[in-house]
Amino acid sequence: MNMTKLMTDLHMSKRILIVTNDSTVFKDKNRLLSAFEMFEGRATEVKKLVARLDTAKDSKGNKLCDVSYGVITTHYGFTPGNYMVTGYDKVMESKEDYIAVDKEKNYVEQVSYLTRPFDKVIFCIPKEMFRLFLEYNGIADGKLIAVTNPEFKEECERRNWVYLERSGARVGNENADRIEELIRELCEQ
């Protein structure tokens, strides 16, 4: 087999990061579970999107992309989906909470930095948490697919980010379809 053929067969997957926030619905607060397993309720829609992209195949039948998942949690800060966590009582749900947890856990700077090696990053986070990322301004132009409030449509477009209006619990079926389309376009370039 010649080297050129080997290099074209070597399929470099695009790297996708999906980020959401914790939920008040825990699978089991008393057990040690992965962050992916632990959070249910509104996080379920995002987990379905992760599974959908993670199992998607390209036109040649290869894995479409490498998907990473992380949860911005009240107790642990940013937590990769495969890290083990236990339940906790207080879950942030207001602008003041997001600011207070960020002061303590520094998740805005951390997640902004973590987006760098990824080809695309998908944010499914609340409006006031999203605002903190805009104010910090640490995510590259063109990097983000933001499922967020219409208030941020123009700001997303200014940064060459894809804006999708939040519908459903966190993603919505139409947005999930559109995200898969966008990721397919990116991966099949």
N, C-alpha and C. Protein backbone atom coordinates (compact mmCIF):
# COMPACT_ATOMS: atom_id res chain seq x y z
N MET A 1 0.86 -1.19 0.00
CA MET A 1 0.00 0.00 0.00
C MET A 1 0.90 1.24 0.00
N ASN A 2 0.64 2.16 -0.92
CA ASN A 2 1.49 3.35 -0.93
C ASN A 2 1.07 4.37 0.13
N MET A 3 2.00 5.24 0.46
CA MET A 3 1.83 6.21 1.54
C MET A 3 0.67 7.17 1.28
N THR A 4 0.50 7.59 0.03
CA THR A 4 -0.57 8.55 -0.30
C THR A 4 -1.94 7.93 0.00
N LYS A 5 -2.12 6.70 -0.39
CA LYS A 5 -3.39 6.01 -0.13
C LYS A 5 -3.61 5.91 1.38
N LEU A 6 -2.56 5.57 2.11
CA LEU A 6 -2.65 5.45 3.56
C LEU A 6 -3.08 6.79 4.19
N MET A 7 -2.49 7.87 3.73
CA MET A 7 -2.80 9.20 4.29
C MET A 7 -4.24 9.61 3.98
N THR A 8 -4.75 9.27 2.80
CA THR A 8 -6.13 9.66 2.49
C THR A 8 -7.12 8.78 3.25
N ASP A 9 -6.71 7.55 3.56
CA ASP A 9 -7.58 6.67 4.33
C ASP A 9 -7.59 7.03 5.82
N LEU A 10 -6.53 7.69 6.26
CA LEU A 10 -6.43 8.10 7.65
C LEU A 10 -7.44 9.22 7.88
N HIS A 11 -8.53 8.87 8.48
CA HIS A 11 -9.63 9.81 8.62
C HIS A 11 -9.48 10.59 9.92
N MET A 12 -9.20 11.87 9.83
CA MET A 12 -9.10 12.69 11.03
C MET A 12 -10.48 13.25 11.37
N SER A 13 -11.04 12.75 12.44
CA SER A 13 -12.38 13.19 12.84
C SER A 13 -12.36 14.62 13.36
N LYS A 14 -13.40 15.35 13.05
CA LYS A 14 -13.58 16.67 13.63
C LYS A 14 -13.98 16.48 15.09
N ARG A 15 -13.51 17.39 15.93
CA ARG A 15 -13.79 17.30 17.37
C ARG A 15 -14.89 18.29 17.75
N ILE A 16 -15.92 17.76 18.39
CA ILE A 16 -17.09 18.55 18.77
C ILE A 16 -17.22 18.51 20.29
N LEU A 17 -17.48 19.67 20.89
CA LEU A 17 -17.72 19.74 22.33
C LEU A 17 -19.14 20.26 22.55
N ILE A 18 -19.90 19.54 23.36
CA ILE A 18 -21.26 19.97 23.71
C ILE A 18 -21.28 20.29 25.20
N VAL A 19 -21.75 21.51 25.52
CA VAL A 19 -21.75 21.98 26.91
C VAL A 19 -23.17 22.34 27.33
N THR A 20 -23.56 21.86 28.50
CA THR A 20 -24.82 22.27 29.10
C THR A 20 -24.57 22.53 30.59
N ASN A 21 -25.64 22.86 31.31
CA ASN A 21 -25.50 23.10 32.75
C ASN A 21 -26.23 22.00 33.52
N ASP A 22 -25.98 21.93 34.82
CA ASP A 22 -26.60 20.89 35.64
C ASP A 22 -28.12 21.07 35.69
N SER A 23 -28.76 20.09 36.25
CA SER A 23 -30.21 20.07 36.30
C SER A 23 -30.63 19.78 37.74
N THR A 24 -31.85 20.15 38.08
CA THR A 24 -32.34 19.86 39.44
C THR A 24 -32.76 18.40 39.56
N VAL A 25 -32.81 17.70 38.40
CA VAL A 25 -33.20 16.29 38.42
C VAL A 25 -31.96 15.41 38.33
N PHE A 26 -31.67 14.71 39.43
CA PHE A 26 -30.52 13.82 39.51
C PHE A 26 -31.02 12.39 39.34
N LYS A 27 -30.23 11.56 38.66
CA LYS A 27 -30.62 10.14 38.53
C LYS A 27 -30.64 9.49 39.92
N ASP A 28 -29.59 9.72 40.70
CA ASP A 28 -29.52 9.19 42.07
C ASP A 28 -28.49 10.00 42.84
N LYS A 29 -28.97 10.90 43.70
CA LYS A 29 -28.07 11.79 44.45
C LYS A 29 -27.08 11.06 45.34
N ASN A 30 -27.41 9.84 45.75
CA ASN A 30 -26.59 9.13 46.72
C ASN A 30 -25.54 8.23 46.11
N ARG A 31 -25.55 8.10 44.78
CA ARG A 31 -24.58 7.23 44.12
C ARG A 31 -23.53 8.05 43.40
N LEU A 32 -22.42 7.41 43.14
CA LEU A 32 -21.36 8.01 42.34
C LEU A 32 -21.64 7.63 40.89
N LEU A 33 -21.94 8.62 40.05
CA LEU A 33 -22.25 8.37 38.63
C LEU A 33 -21.46 9.34 37.76
N SER A 34 -21.33 9.01 36.48
CA SER A 34 -20.67 9.97 35.59
C SER A 34 -21.57 11.19 35.46
N ALA A 35 -20.98 12.34 35.17
CA ALA A 35 -21.77 13.57 35.00
C ALA A 35 -22.79 13.37 33.88
N PHE A 36 -22.42 12.56 32.86
CA PHE A 36 -23.36 12.27 31.77
C PHE A 36 -24.60 11.56 32.31
N GLU A 37 -24.41 10.56 33.15
CA GLU A 37 -25.53 9.78 33.70
C GLU A 37 -26.31 10.54 34.77
N MET A 38 -25.62 11.33 35.58
CA MET A 38 -26.22 11.92 36.78
C MET A 38 -27.37 12.88 36.48
N PHE A 39 -27.19 13.75 35.49
CA PHE A 39 -28.17 14.83 35.29
C PHE A 39 -29.24 14.42 34.28
N GLU A 40 -30.49 14.50 34.75
CA GLU A 40 -31.62 14.14 33.90
C GLU A 40 -32.48 15.38 33.69
N GLY A 41 -33.80 15.24 33.65
CA GLY A 41 -34.66 16.40 33.46
C GLY A 41 -34.32 17.13 32.17
N ARG A 42 -34.09 18.43 32.26
CA ARG A 42 -33.81 19.24 31.07
C ARG A 42 -32.52 18.85 30.35
N ALA A 43 -31.59 18.23 31.07
CA ALA A 43 -30.33 17.83 30.45
C ALA A 43 -30.51 16.65 29.49
N THR A 44 -31.64 15.94 29.60
CA THR A 44 -31.89 14.75 28.78
C THR A 44 -31.84 15.07 27.29
N GLU A 45 -32.44 16.18 26.88
CA GLU A 45 -32.43 16.58 25.46
C GLU A 45 -31.00 16.75 24.94
N VAL A 46 -30.15 17.32 25.76
CA VAL A 46 -28.76 17.54 25.35
C VAL A 46 -28.04 16.20 25.26
N LYS A 47 -28.30 15.30 26.20
CA LYS A 47 -27.69 13.97 26.19
C LYS A 47 -28.11 13.20 24.94
N LYS A 48 -29.36 13.38 24.51
CA LYS A 48 -29.83 12.73 23.28
C LYS A 48 -29.07 13.26 22.07
N LEU A 49 -28.80 14.56 22.06
CA LEU A 49 -28.02 15.17 20.98
C LEU A 49 -26.59 14.61 20.96
N VAL A 50 -25.99 14.48 22.15
CA VAL A 50 -24.65 13.90 22.27
C VAL A 50 -24.65 12.49 21.67
N ALA A 51 -25.61 11.67 22.07
CA ALA A 51 -25.69 10.29 21.58
C ALA A 51 -25.91 10.25 20.07
N ARG A 52 -26.76 11.14 19.59
CA ARG A 52 -27.07 11.19 18.14
C ARG A 52 -25.82 11.52 17.33
N LEU A 53 -25.06 12.53 17.76
CA LEU A 53 -23.85 12.90 17.03
C LEU A 53 -22.75 11.87 17.21
N ASP A 54 -22.69 11.28 18.39
CA ASP A 54 -21.64 10.30 18.69
C ASP A 54 -21.81 9.01 17.88
N THR A 55 -23.04 8.68 17.51
CA THR A 55 -23.29 7.45 16.76
C THR A 55 -23.49 7.72 15.26
N ALA A 56 -23.48 8.99 14.85
CA ALA A 56 -23.70 9.34 13.43
C ALA A 56 -22.55 8.82 12.56
N LYS A 57 -22.91 8.41 11.36
CA LYS A 57 -21.92 7.91 10.39
C LYS A 57 -21.86 8.87 9.20
N ASP A 58 -20.67 8.95 8.58
CA ASP A 58 -20.55 9.77 7.37
C ASP A 58 -20.98 8.95 6.15
N SER A 59 -20.86 9.53 4.95
CA SER A 59 -21.31 8.87 3.73
C SER A 59 -20.55 7.57 3.44
N LYS A 60 -19.36 7.42 4.02
CA LYS A 60 -18.56 6.20 3.82
C LYS A 60 -18.80 5.17 4.93
N GLY A 61 -19.68 5.50 5.86
CA GLY A 61 -19.98 4.57 6.95
C GLY A 61 -19.02 4.68 8.14
N ASN A 62 -18.14 5.70 8.10
CA ASN A 62 -17.23 5.93 9.24
C ASN A 62 -17.91 6.81 10.28
N LYS A 63 -17.38 6.78 11.49
CA LYS A 63 -17.86 7.65 12.56
C LYS A 63 -17.76 9.10 12.08
N LEU A 64 -18.84 9.86 12.21
CA LEU A 64 -18.89 11.22 11.68
C LEU A 64 -17.91 12.16 12.40
N CYS A 65 -17.91 12.11 13.75
CA CYS A 65 -17.08 13.06 14.51
C CYS A 65 -16.80 12.50 15.89
N ASP A 66 -15.85 13.12 16.58
CA ASP A 66 -15.57 12.78 17.98
C ASP A 66 -16.32 13.78 18.85
N VAL A 67 -17.17 13.27 19.70
CA VAL A 67 -18.01 14.15 20.53
C VAL A 67 -17.55 14.09 21.98
N SER A 68 -17.36 15.26 22.57
CA SER A 68 -17.09 15.38 24.00
C SER A 68 -18.26 16.12 24.63
N TYR A 69 -18.53 15.82 25.88
CA TYR A 69 -19.67 16.41 26.57
C TYR A 69 -19.20 16.90 27.93
N GLY A 70 -19.65 18.08 28.31
CA GLY A 70 -19.31 18.61 29.62
C GLY A 70 -20.49 19.33 30.24
N VAL A 71 -20.52 19.31 31.57
CA VAL A 71 -21.62 19.94 32.31
C VAL A 71 -21.05 21.01 33.23
N ILE A 72 -21.62 22.20 33.17
CA ILE A 72 -21.25 23.25 34.10
C ILE A 72 -22.10 23.01 35.35
N THR A 73 -21.45 22.57 36.43
CA THR A 73 -22.20 22.19 37.62
C THR A 73 -22.01 23.19 38.76
N THR A 74 -23.01 23.28 39.58
CA THR A 74 -22.99 24.19 40.72
C THR A 74 -21.90 23.80 41.72
N HIS A 75 -21.79 22.50 41.97
CA HIS A 75 -20.91 22.01 43.02
C HIS A 75 -19.46 21.81 42.56
N TYR A 76 -19.28 21.36 41.31
CA TYR A 76 -17.94 21.00 40.83
C TYR A 76 -17.37 21.97 39.79
N GLY A 77 -18.16 22.93 39.33
CA GLY A 77 -17.71 23.77 38.22
C GLY A 77 -17.84 22.98 36.92
N PHE A 78 -17.00 23.26 35.94
CA PHE A 78 -17.09 22.51 34.68
C PHE A 78 -16.63 21.08 34.90
N THR A 79 -17.44 20.13 34.45
CA THR A 79 -17.16 18.71 34.68
C THR A 79 -17.30 17.93 33.37
N PRO A 80 -16.23 17.29 32.89
CA PRO A 80 -16.35 16.44 31.70
C PRO A 80 -17.38 15.33 31.96
N GLY A 81 -18.10 14.95 30.91
CA GLY A 81 -19.19 13.99 31.04
C GLY A 81 -18.82 12.65 31.63
N ASN A 82 -17.53 12.24 31.50
CA ASN A 82 -17.13 10.94 32.03
C ASN A 82 -16.58 11.01 33.46
N TYR A 83 -16.50 12.21 34.04
CA TYR A 83 -16.04 12.34 35.43
C TYR A 83 -17.15 11.89 36.38
N MET A 84 -16.73 11.27 37.47
CA MET A 84 -17.69 10.76 38.45
C MET A 84 -18.09 11.86 39.44
N VAL A 85 -19.39 11.95 39.70
CA VAL A 85 -19.91 12.97 40.61
C VAL A 85 -20.95 12.34 41.53
N THR A 86 -21.21 13.02 42.63
CA THR A 86 -22.34 12.64 43.49
C THR A 86 -23.32 13.81 43.48
N GLY A 87 -24.51 13.56 43.94
CA GLY A 87 -25.54 14.60 43.95
C GLY A 87 -25.26 15.68 44.98
N TYR A 88 -25.97 16.78 44.87
CA TYR A 88 -25.86 17.89 45.82
C TYR A 88 -27.21 18.60 45.88
N ASP A 89 -27.38 19.45 46.89
CA ASP A 89 -28.70 20.02 47.12
C ASP A 89 -29.00 21.30 46.34
N LYS A 90 -28.07 22.22 46.30
CA LYS A 90 -28.35 23.52 45.68
C LYS A 90 -27.91 23.51 44.21
N VAL A 91 -28.84 23.81 43.31
CA VAL A 91 -28.51 23.91 41.88
C VAL A 91 -28.73 25.36 41.44
N MET A 92 -27.72 25.95 40.82
CA MET A 92 -27.83 27.35 40.41
C MET A 92 -28.95 27.51 39.38
N GLU A 93 -29.71 28.62 39.54
CA GLU A 93 -30.79 28.84 38.57
C GLU A 93 -31.09 30.31 38.31
N SER A 94 -30.25 31.21 38.81
CA SER A 94 -30.49 32.64 38.56
C SER A 94 -29.18 33.30 38.12
N LYS A 95 -29.33 34.48 37.58
CA LYS A 95 -28.15 35.25 37.16
C LYS A 95 -27.15 35.38 38.31
N GLU A 96 -27.66 35.68 39.50
CA GLU A 96 -26.81 35.84 40.69
C GLU A 96 -26.08 34.54 41.01
N ASP A 97 -26.80 33.42 40.89
CA ASP A 97 -26.18 32.10 41.13
C ASP A 97 -25.05 31.85 40.14
N TYR A 98 -25.31 32.12 38.85
CA TYR A 98 -24.29 31.85 37.82
C TYR A 98 -23.03 32.66 38.09
N ILE A 99 -23.22 33.92 38.49
CA ILE A 99 -22.09 34.80 38.78
C ILE A 99 -21.33 34.29 40.01
N ALA A 100 -22.08 33.93 41.07
CA ALA A 100 -21.47 33.46 42.31
C ALA A 100 -20.67 32.17 42.09
N VAL A 101 -21.25 31.23 41.35
CA VAL A 101 -20.56 29.96 41.09
C VAL A 101 -19.34 30.20 40.22
N ASP A 102 -19.45 31.11 39.25
CA ASP A 102 -18.28 31.40 38.40
C ASP A 102 -17.15 32.03 39.23
N LYS A 103 -17.50 32.91 40.18
CA LYS A 103 -16.48 33.52 41.05
C LYS A 103 -15.72 32.43 41.82
N GLU A 104 -16.45 31.40 42.24
CA GLU A 104 -15.86 30.33 43.03
C GLU A 104 -15.17 29.27 42.16
N LYS A 105 -15.78 28.91 41.05
CA LYS A 105 -15.30 27.77 40.24
C LYS A 105 -14.61 28.17 38.94
N ASN A 106 -14.77 29.45 38.54
CA ASN A 106 -14.08 29.95 37.35
C ASN A 106 -14.43 29.20 36.06
N TYR A 107 -15.70 28.77 35.94
CA TYR A 107 -16.08 27.95 34.78
C TYR A 107 -16.08 28.71 33.46
N VAL A 108 -16.35 30.01 33.48
CA VAL A 108 -16.41 30.76 32.21
C VAL A 108 -15.03 30.78 31.53
N GLU A 109 -14.00 31.13 32.29
CA GLU A 109 -12.65 31.15 31.74
C GLU A 109 -12.21 29.73 31.35
N GLN A 110 -12.50 28.77 32.21
CA GLN A 110 -12.08 27.38 31.98
C GLN A 110 -12.71 26.81 30.70
N VAL A 111 -14.03 26.95 30.56
CA VAL A 111 -14.72 26.42 29.38
C VAL A 111 -14.27 27.18 28.13
N SER A 112 -14.11 28.48 28.24
CA SER A 112 -13.65 29.28 27.08
C SER A 112 -12.30 28.75 26.59
N TYR A 113 -11.41 28.49 27.52
CA TYR A 113 -10.09 27.96 27.19
C TYR A 113 -10.20 26.56 26.58
N LEU A 114 -11.06 25.74 27.16
CA LEU A 114 -11.23 24.36 26.68
C LEU A 114 -11.80 24.27 25.28
N THR A 115 -12.44 25.31 24.79
CA THR A 115 -13.02 25.26 23.44
C THR A 115 -11.94 25.27 22.35
N ARG A 116 -10.73 25.70 22.68
CA ARG A 116 -9.69 25.91 21.67
C ARG A 116 -9.38 24.72 20.77
N PRO A 117 -9.16 23.51 21.30
CA PRO A 117 -8.81 22.41 20.39
C PRO A 117 -9.99 21.83 19.60
N PHE A 118 -11.20 22.28 19.88
CA PHE A 118 -12.37 21.71 19.21
C PHE A 118 -12.68 22.45 17.91
N ASP A 119 -13.21 21.70 16.94
CA ASP A 119 -13.59 22.31 15.66
C ASP A 119 -14.89 23.10 15.79
N LYS A 120 -15.82 22.57 16.57
CA LYS A 120 -17.08 23.27 16.85
C LYS A 120 -17.48 22.99 18.28
N VAL A 121 -18.13 23.98 18.88
CA VAL A 121 -18.62 23.85 20.25
C VAL A 121 -20.09 24.21 20.25
N ILE A 122 -20.89 23.39 20.91
CA ILE A 122 -22.33 23.62 20.98
C ILE A 122 -22.68 23.96 22.42
N PHE A 123 -23.29 25.14 22.61
CA PHE A 123 -23.70 25.58 23.95
C PHE A 123 -25.21 25.45 24.08
N CYS A 124 -25.66 24.73 25.08
CA CYS A 124 -27.08 24.64 25.44
C CYS A 124 -27.16 25.05 26.90
N ILE A 125 -27.05 26.34 27.14
CA ILE A 125 -27.00 26.86 28.51
C ILE A 125 -27.99 28.01 28.65
N PRO A 126 -28.37 28.34 29.89
CA PRO A 126 -29.35 29.42 30.12
C PRO A 126 -28.83 30.79 29.65
N LYS A 127 -29.78 31.64 29.37
CA LYS A 127 -29.52 32.99 28.86
C LYS A 127 -28.49 33.76 29.70
N GLU A 128 -28.69 33.82 31.01
CA GLU A 128 -27.80 34.63 31.85
C GLU A 128 -26.42 34.01 32.02
N MET A 129 -26.33 32.70 31.87
CA MET A 129 -25.03 32.04 31.88
C MET A 129 -24.31 32.35 30.55
N PHE A 130 -25.06 32.32 29.47
CA PHE A 130 -24.50 32.63 28.15
C PHE A 130 -23.94 34.06 28.12
N ARG A 131 -24.67 34.97 28.78
CA ARG A 131 -24.23 36.37 28.84
C ARG A 131 -22.83 36.48 29.46
N LEU A 132 -22.53 35.67 30.47
CA LEU A 132 -21.21 35.70 31.11
C LEU A 132 -20.12 35.32 30.12
N PHE A 133 -20.40 34.35 29.24
CA PHE A 133 -19.43 33.95 28.21
C PHE A 133 -19.23 35.07 27.19
N LEU A 134 -20.31 35.77 26.84
CA LEU A 134 -20.19 36.89 25.90
C LEU A 134 -19.33 37.99 26.52
N GLU A 135 -19.58 38.30 27.78
CA GLU A 135 -18.82 39.36 28.47
C GLU A 135 -17.35 38.97 28.61
N TYR A 136 -17.06 37.71 28.88
CA TYR A 136 -15.68 37.25 29.02
C TYR A 136 -14.95 37.31 27.68
N ASN A 137 -15.68 36.99 26.61
CA ASN A 137 -15.16 37.13 25.24
C ASN A 137 -13.91 36.27 24.99
N GLY A 138 -13.96 34.98 25.39
CA GLY A 138 -12.80 34.12 25.23
C GLY A 138 -12.97 32.99 24.24
N ILE A 139 -14.06 33.01 23.46
CA ILE A 139 -14.30 31.93 22.49
C ILE A 139 -14.13 32.50 21.08
N ALA A 140 -13.37 31.79 20.27
CA ALA A 140 -13.01 32.28 18.93
C ALA A 140 -14.23 32.51 18.03
N ASP A 141 -14.08 33.48 17.13
CA ASP A 141 -15.10 33.72 16.11
C ASP A 141 -15.28 32.45 15.29
N GLY A 142 -16.53 32.16 14.95
CA GLY A 142 -16.83 31.02 14.10
C GLY A 142 -16.85 29.68 14.82
N LYS A 143 -16.53 29.65 16.09
CA LYS A 143 -16.36 28.39 16.83
C LYS A 143 -17.67 27.79 17.36
N LEU A 144 -18.65 28.66 17.68
CA LEU A 144 -19.79 28.24 18.49
C LEU A 144 -21.08 28.04 17.71
N ILE A 145 -21.84 27.03 18.14
CA ILE A 145 -23.25 26.92 17.78
C ILE A 145 -23.98 27.17 19.09
N ALA A 146 -24.71 28.27 19.15
CA ALA A 146 -25.34 28.68 20.40
C ALA A 146 -26.85 28.50 20.34
N VAL A 147 -27.36 27.63 21.21
CA VAL A 147 -28.80 27.46 21.34
C VAL A 147 -29.18 28.38 22.50
N THR A 148 -29.73 29.55 22.16
CA THR A 148 -29.90 30.56 23.20
C THR A 148 -31.07 31.49 22.90
N ASN A 149 -31.18 32.52 23.69
CA ASN A 149 -32.26 33.49 23.64
C ASN A 149 -32.12 34.43 22.42
N PRO A 150 -33.26 34.83 21.81
CA PRO A 150 -33.23 35.74 20.67
C PRO A 150 -32.48 37.05 20.94
N GLU A 151 -32.40 37.44 22.20
CA GLU A 151 -31.68 38.66 22.57
C GLU A 151 -30.22 38.63 22.05
N PHE A 152 -29.66 37.42 21.90
CA PHE A 152 -28.25 37.29 21.53
C PHE A 152 -28.01 36.99 20.05
N LYS A 153 -29.08 37.00 19.27
CA LYS A 153 -28.96 36.65 17.84
C LYS A 153 -27.92 37.52 17.13
N GLU A 154 -28.04 38.83 17.26
CA GLU A 154 -27.10 39.74 16.57
C GLU A 154 -25.68 39.58 17.07
N GLU A 155 -25.52 39.44 18.37
CA GLU A 155 -24.18 39.27 18.94
C GLU A 155 -23.53 37.99 18.43
N CYS A 156 -24.31 36.93 18.32
CA CYS A 156 -23.79 35.66 17.78
C CYS A 156 -23.37 35.86 16.32
N GLU A 157 -24.21 36.52 15.55
CA GLU A 157 -23.89 36.74 14.13
C GLU A 157 -22.64 37.60 13.97
N ARG A 158 -22.47 38.58 14.85
CA ARG A 158 -21.29 39.44 14.82
C ARG A 158 -20.00 38.64 15.02
N ARG A 159 -20.11 37.58 15.81
CA ARG A 159 -18.94 36.74 16.10
C ARG A 159 -18.83 35.55 15.14
N ASN A 160 -19.71 35.55 14.13
CA ASN A 160 -19.73 34.46 13.16
C ASN A 160 -20.05 33.11 13.83
N TRP A 161 -20.87 33.18 14.87
CA TRP A 161 -21.35 31.98 15.54
C TRP A 161 -22.71 31.64 14.95
N VAL A 162 -23.07 30.36 14.99
CA VAL A 162 -24.41 29.97 14.54
C VAL A 162 -25.36 30.19 15.72
N TYR A 163 -26.42 30.96 15.46
CA TYR A 163 -27.44 31.21 16.48
C TYR A 163 -28.65 30.32 16.19
N LEU A 164 -29.12 29.60 17.19
CA LEU A 164 -30.37 28.85 17.10
C LEU A 164 -31.22 29.24 18.29
N GLU A 165 -32.47 29.59 18.03
CA GLU A 165 -33.34 30.01 19.13
C GLU A 165 -33.69 28.81 20.02
N ARG A 166 -33.52 28.99 21.31
CA ARG A 166 -33.80 27.92 22.26
C ARG A 166 -35.28 27.59 22.24
N SER A 167 -35.58 26.31 22.03
CA SER A 167 -36.97 25.84 22.09
C SER A 167 -36.92 24.48 22.77
N GLY A 168 -38.04 24.03 23.28
CA GLY A 168 -38.02 22.77 24.02
C GLY A 168 -37.30 23.00 25.34
N ALA A 169 -36.88 21.93 25.98
CA ALA A 169 -36.24 22.05 27.29
C ALA A 169 -34.90 22.78 27.17
N ARG A 170 -34.04 22.32 26.26
CA ARG A 170 -32.74 22.97 26.07
C ARG A 170 -32.30 23.02 24.62
N VAL A 171 -32.80 22.09 23.81
CA VAL A 171 -32.36 22.02 22.42
C VAL A 171 -33.54 22.17 21.47
N GLY A 172 -34.51 21.26 21.58
CA GLY A 172 -35.65 21.24 20.66
C GLY A 172 -35.32 20.36 19.45
N ASN A 173 -36.32 19.67 18.91
CA ASN A 173 -36.10 18.73 17.81
C ASN A 173 -35.57 19.40 16.55
N GLU A 174 -36.15 20.54 16.19
CA GLU A 174 -35.70 21.24 14.97
C GLU A 174 -34.25 21.67 15.10
N ASN A 175 -33.89 22.17 16.27
CA ASN A 175 -32.49 22.58 16.49
C ASN A 175 -31.55 21.38 16.43
N ALA A 176 -31.98 20.24 16.99
CA ALA A 176 -31.15 19.04 16.96
C ALA A 176 -30.90 18.62 15.51
N ASP A 177 -31.94 18.70 14.68
CA ASP A 177 -31.79 18.37 13.25
C ASP A 177 -30.83 19.34 12.57
N ARG A 178 -31.00 20.62 12.86
CA ARG A 178 -30.15 21.65 12.25
C ARG A 178 -28.69 21.48 12.70
N ILE A 179 -28.48 21.18 13.97
CA ILE A 179 -27.12 20.97 14.50
C ILE A 179 -26.47 19.79 13.78
N GLU A 180 -27.21 18.69 13.61
CA GLU A 180 -26.63 17.54 12.91
C GLU A 180 -26.26 17.92 11.48
N GLU A 181 -27.13 18.68 10.81
CA GLU A 181 -26.82 19.15 9.44
C GLU A 181 -25.52 19.95 9.42
N LEU A 182 -25.41 20.90 10.34
CA LEU A 182 -24.21 21.76 10.41
C LEU A 182 -22.95 20.94 10.67
N ILE A 183 -23.04 19.97 11.56
CA ILE A 183 -21.89 19.13 11.90
C ILE A 183 -21.52 18.24 10.70
N ARG A 184 -22.54 17.73 9.99
CA ARG A 184 -22.27 16.94 8.78
C ARG A 184 -21.53 17.78 7.73
N GLU A 185 -22.01 19.01 7.53
CA GLU A 185 -21.33 19.90 6.56
C GLU A 185 -19.87 20.11 6.96
N LEU A 186 -19.64 20.35 8.24
CA LEU A 186 -18.28 20.58 8.74
C LEU A 186 -17.40 19.34 8.53
N CYS A 187 -17.96 18.18 8.83
CA CYS A 187 -17.17 16.94 8.81
C CYS A 187 -16.93 16.41 7.41
N GLU A 188 -17.78 16.77 6.47
CA GLU A 188 -17.64 16.22 5.13
C GLU A 188 -16.91 17.18 4.20
N GLN A 189 -16.29 18.20 4.74
CA GLN A 189 -15.50 19.16 3.94
C GLN A 189 -14.24 18.49 3.44
